[in-house]
Amino acid sequence: MADEWFNEDGYLRIRPDEDIAENAFLFTLTLWLIEKQIIDKPFDRSQVLHKYLDEIVNPLGRYDNHPVVREVNGYDGATTNWARTSHDQLTSYAVASYLLGREDHVKIWKQIKSTWFTYDNNTTKTNFKRLVHPRDIIFHGILANSYICKVLLPIYFLFGMFTYLRPNVVRYRSNKRNGVEWFDYLYLKYIKKEFPDEVFYKHVSNKKSGEILYWVKSHAMEDSLLKRLFYKFADKRIEKRFGGWSGLFAEYYYNEEHPINALASTHTIVV
């Protein structure tokens, strides 16, 4: 694999000209899982994942988006010491922790519960602007062995069915934040009244990231009849839209020289 696709710490980029990707950990974890599936003796990236997880715990004990401290504009426009951790990254931390035999997924679950099912890595207080999606609450709880969340597993897969059934996603782009979900947009426009209308525009994209995240999460979930039925359904949807999982990964990591694209273009990836 070409070194240009990895930064000096071994974290995978999505473009060779960036220092560290927004979802660097998720990308690196995804590559590791694919390599383990299709290569007899894959490169051991577990130490890179361990290093990332060790370095992102901030002074508050919470998990940052990147293993670097930097000042960014937070959700409320205030200056913060750490970037807001995305739900994609937080989910990938939990998956990796579970697979590597760590305790981070248990700590994350306790932090989510302690702040009324919200997660803001910049504070230990409850921030209802950073609510965790019910789908993610159930998933984090299952990994942490929550009985209630295990009972709610059918609801988790129901959310997953909507993910695979909906081919497009509507986002509102702005010149201040790269991507804003529709509920963020309504909050900012009608309650916070932070941004004028002219900085927003509606963007409809062919959705892929949610489908990939469910693929990643499948590796940390115990086998069950419900899981097998759900991923059989997912297989059919991915086959119809992308010609298979390899097609999904090749389309998302669109550069033909990207390590994941190179593997997806020459191997059959399954769930």
Foldseek 3Di string as FASTA:
>chain_A
DDCLQAAPLGFGDLDSPDRAHQQRLLVLLLLVVQCVVFPPDGDDCLVSNVVFQVQQQDPVRFGASGSDFDWDQALLRDTARTYWHDLLNVLSNLLSCLVVVHCVLLVVLVLCVQAVQFDGSRDSHHDVVRHDDPLSNLLSCVSNVNPVSVVVVVVNLVVVVVVLVDQKAKWKAFPRDGTHHPVSVCCCVPPVVPDDPVRIDIDMDGDQPSLVSVVSSLSNDDDDPSSVVSQVVSQVSCCVPQVGPLSSQCVVSVPCPRPSVVSSVPDHDGD
